[in-house]
């Protein structure tokens, strides 16, 4: 997955967000936290794509069409998960 690259900036330089604060007192913690979650997000995206390519996805999509009367022609995988029509069945 491609992420927005954070420019290289020293801890004591002005923050790249433009706040006027030092980077270490402003966005450094946020950027460090973001780095920690990238692997988790990649794994989750992989699980979503695996589900999207499975037979179960097609079955649940047909169920949603009937249940909610939704036209979902041309719906991308990202939009499918954002609509909230994904039924999680154990």
C-alpha atoms as a PDB file:
ATOM      1  CA  UNK A   1       0.000   0.000   0.000  1.00  0.00           C
ATOM      2  CA  UNK A   2       1.292   3.468  -0.836  1.00  0.00           C
ATOM      3  CA  UNK A   3       1.246   5.962   1.981  1.00  0.00           C
ATOM      4  CA  UNK A   4       1.784   9.673   2.017  1.00  0.00           C
ATOM      5  CA  UNK A   5       5.467  10.188   2.593  1.00  0.00           C
ATOM      6  CA  UNK A   6       6.303  12.332   5.604  1.00  0.00           C
ATOM      7  CA  UNK A   7       9.100  14.729   4.686  1.00  0.00           C
ATOM      8  CA  UNK A   8      12.341  14.317   6.557  1.00  0.00           C
ATOM      9  CA  UNK A   9      12.420  16.912   9.297  1.00  0.00           C
ATOM     10  CA  UNK A  10      14.584  17.261  12.375  1.00  0.00           C
ATOM     11  CA  UNK A  11      13.000  17.139  15.822  1.00  0.00           C
ATOM     12  CA  UNK A  12      13.966  20.739  16.591  1.00  0.00           C
ATOM     13  CA  UNK A  13      12.952  22.195  13.223  1.00  0.00           C
ATOM     14  CA  UNK A  14       9.623  23.960  12.694  1.00  0.00           C
ATOM     15  CA  UNK A  15       6.760  21.515  12.232  1.00  0.00           C
ATOM     16  CA  UNK A  16       5.757  20.668   8.681  1.00  0.00           C
ATOM     17  CA  UNK A  17       2.095  21.390   9.478  1.00  0.00           C
ATOM     18  CA  UNK A  18       2.826  25.108   9.669  1.00  0.00           C
ATOM     19  CA  UNK A  19       1.810  25.588  13.297  1.00  0.00           C
ATOM     20  CA  UNK A  20       5.040  27.375  14.168  1.00  0.00           C
ATOM     21  CA  UNK A  21       5.821  24.863  16.924  1.00  0.00           C
ATOM     22  CA  UNK A  22       8.841  22.608  16.944  1.00  0.00           C
ATOM     23  CA  UNK A  23       8.202  19.298  15.195  1.00  0.00           C
ATOM     24  CA  UNK A  24       8.903  17.309  18.381  1.00  0.00           C
ATOM     25  CA  UNK A  25       6.223  19.294  20.274  1.00  0.00           C
ATOM     26  CA  UNK A  26       3.658  19.139  17.480  1.00  0.00           C
ATOM     27  CA  UNK A  27       3.312  16.280  14.964  1.00  0.00           C
ATOM     28  CA  UNK A  28       6.183  13.914  15.820  1.00  0.00           C
ATOM     29  CA  UNK A  29       4.050  11.719  18.100  1.00  0.00           C
ATOM     30  CA  UNK A  30       1.252  11.554  15.529  1.00  0.00           C
ATOM     31  CA  UNK A  31       3.654  10.494  12.781  1.00  0.00           C
ATOM     32  CA  UNK A  32       5.232   7.835  15.017  1.00  0.00           C
ATOM     33  CA  UNK A  33       1.803   6.426  15.886  1.00  0.00           C
ATOM     34  CA  UNK A  34       0.845   6.385  12.208  1.00  0.00           C
ATOM     35  CA  UNK A  35       3.924   4.300  11.358  1.00  0.00           C
ATOM     36  CA  UNK A  36       2.928   1.692  13.968  1.00  0.00           C
ATOM     37  CA  UNK A  37      -0.528   1.187  12.457  1.00  0.00           C
ATOM     38  CA  UNK A  38       0.519   0.832   8.801  1.00  0.00           C
ATOM     39  CA  UNK A  39       1.145  -2.935   9.073  1.00  0.00           C
ATOM     40  CA  UNK A  40      -2.186  -3.499  10.825  1.00  0.00           C
ATOM     41  CA  UNK A  41      -4.014  -1.506   8.171  1.00  0.00           C
ATOM     42  CA  UNK A  42      -2.286  -3.434   5.376  1.00  0.00           C
ATOM     43  CA  UNK A  43      -3.361  -6.723   6.944  1.00  0.00           C
ATOM     44  CA  UNK A  44      -6.944  -5.491   7.313  1.00  0.00           C
ATOM     45  CA  UNK A  45      -7.035  -4.264   3.705  1.00  0.00           C
ATOM     46  CA  UNK A  46      -5.740  -7.682   2.606  1.00  0.00           C
ATOM     47  CA  UNK A  47      -8.529  -9.407   4.549  1.00  0.00           C
ATOM     48  CA  UNK A  48     -11.129  -7.136   2.947  1.00  0.00           C
ATOM     49  CA  UNK A  49      -9.796  -7.880  -0.529  1.00  0.00           C
ATOM     50  CA  UNK A  50      -9.719 -11.613   0.201  1.00  0.00           C
ATOM     51  CA  UNK A  51     -13.342 -11.436   1.331  1.00  0.00           C
ATOM     52  CA  UNK A  52     -14.269  -9.363  -1.722  1.00  0.00           C
ATOM     53  CA  UNK A  53     -12.886 -12.083  -3.999  1.00  0.00           C
ATOM     54  CA  UNK A  54     -14.656 -14.893  -2.134  1.00  0.00           C
ATOM     55  CA  UNK A  55     -17.968 -16.609  -2.917  1.00  0.00           C
ATOM     56  CA  UNK A  56     -19.322 -15.370   0.414  1.00  0.00           C
ATOM     57  CA  UNK A  57     -19.057 -11.772  -0.757  1.00  0.00           C
ATOM     58  CA  UNK A  58     -21.257 -12.490  -3.778  1.00  0.00           C
ATOM     59  CA  UNK A  59     -23.838 -14.235  -1.611  1.00  0.00           C
ATOM     60  CA  UNK A  60     -23.978 -11.391   0.886  1.00  0.00           C
ATOM     61  CA  UNK A  61     -24.157  -8.835  -1.881  1.00  0.00           C
ATOM     62  CA  UNK A  62     -27.166 -10.605  -3.396  1.00  0.00           C
ATOM     63  CA  UNK A  63     -28.771 -10.767   0.048  1.00  0.00           C
ATOM     64  CA  UNK A  64     -28.219  -7.025   0.538  1.00  0.00           C
ATOM     65  CA  UNK A  65     -29.762  -6.240  -2.847  1.00  0.00           C
ATOM     66  CA  UNK A  66     -32.891  -8.185  -1.963  1.00  0.00           C
ATOM     67  CA  UNK A  67     -33.092  -7.073   1.643  1.00  0.00           C
ATOM     68  CA  UNK A  68     -32.499  -3.369   1.133  1.00  0.00           C
ATOM     69  CA  UNK A  69     -33.496  -2.823  -2.495  1.00  0.00           C
ATOM     70  CA  UNK A  70     -30.148  -1.231  -3.250  1.00  0.00           C
ATOM     71  CA  UNK A  71     -28.727  -0.899  -6.727  1.00  0.00           C
ATOM     72  CA  UNK A  72     -25.045  -1.633  -6.399  1.00  0.00           C
ATOM     73  CA  UNK A  73     -23.959  -1.916 -10.001  1.00  0.00           C
ATOM     74  CA  UNK A  74     -20.386  -0.752 -10.463  1.00  0.00           C
ATOM     75  CA  UNK A  75     -19.777  -0.411  -6.725  1.00  0.00           C
ATOM     76  CA  UNK A  76     -16.067  -0.600  -5.917  1.00  0.00           C
ATOM     77  CA  UNK A  77     -14.754  -2.682  -3.027  1.00  0.00           C
ATOM     78  CA  UNK A  78     -13.883   0.477  -1.083  1.00  0.00           C
ATOM     79  CA  UNK A  79     -17.379   1.891  -1.531  1.00  0.00           C
ATOM     80  CA  UNK A  80     -18.949  -1.467  -0.635  1.00  0.00           C
ATOM     81  CA  UNK A  81     -17.361  -1.432   2.794  1.00  0.00           C
ATOM     82  CA  UNK A  82     -18.123   2.256   3.305  1.00  0.00           C
ATOM     83  CA  UNK A  83     -21.870   1.833   2.610  1.00  0.00           C
ATOM     84  CA  UNK A  84     -22.341  -0.359   5.672  1.00  0.00           C
ATOM     85  CA  UNK A  85     -24.261  -3.034   3.759  1.00  0.00           C
ATOM     86  CA  UNK A  86     -21.631  -5.635   4.507  1.00  0.00           C
ATOM     87  CA  UNK A  87     -23.233  -8.296   6.699  1.00  0.00           C
ATOM     88  CA  UNK A  88     -20.785  -9.944   9.060  1.00  0.00           C
ATOM     89  CA  UNK A  89     -21.901 -13.531   9.543  1.00  0.00           C
ATOM     90  CA  UNK A  90     -19.773 -15.799  11.752  1.00  0.00           C
END
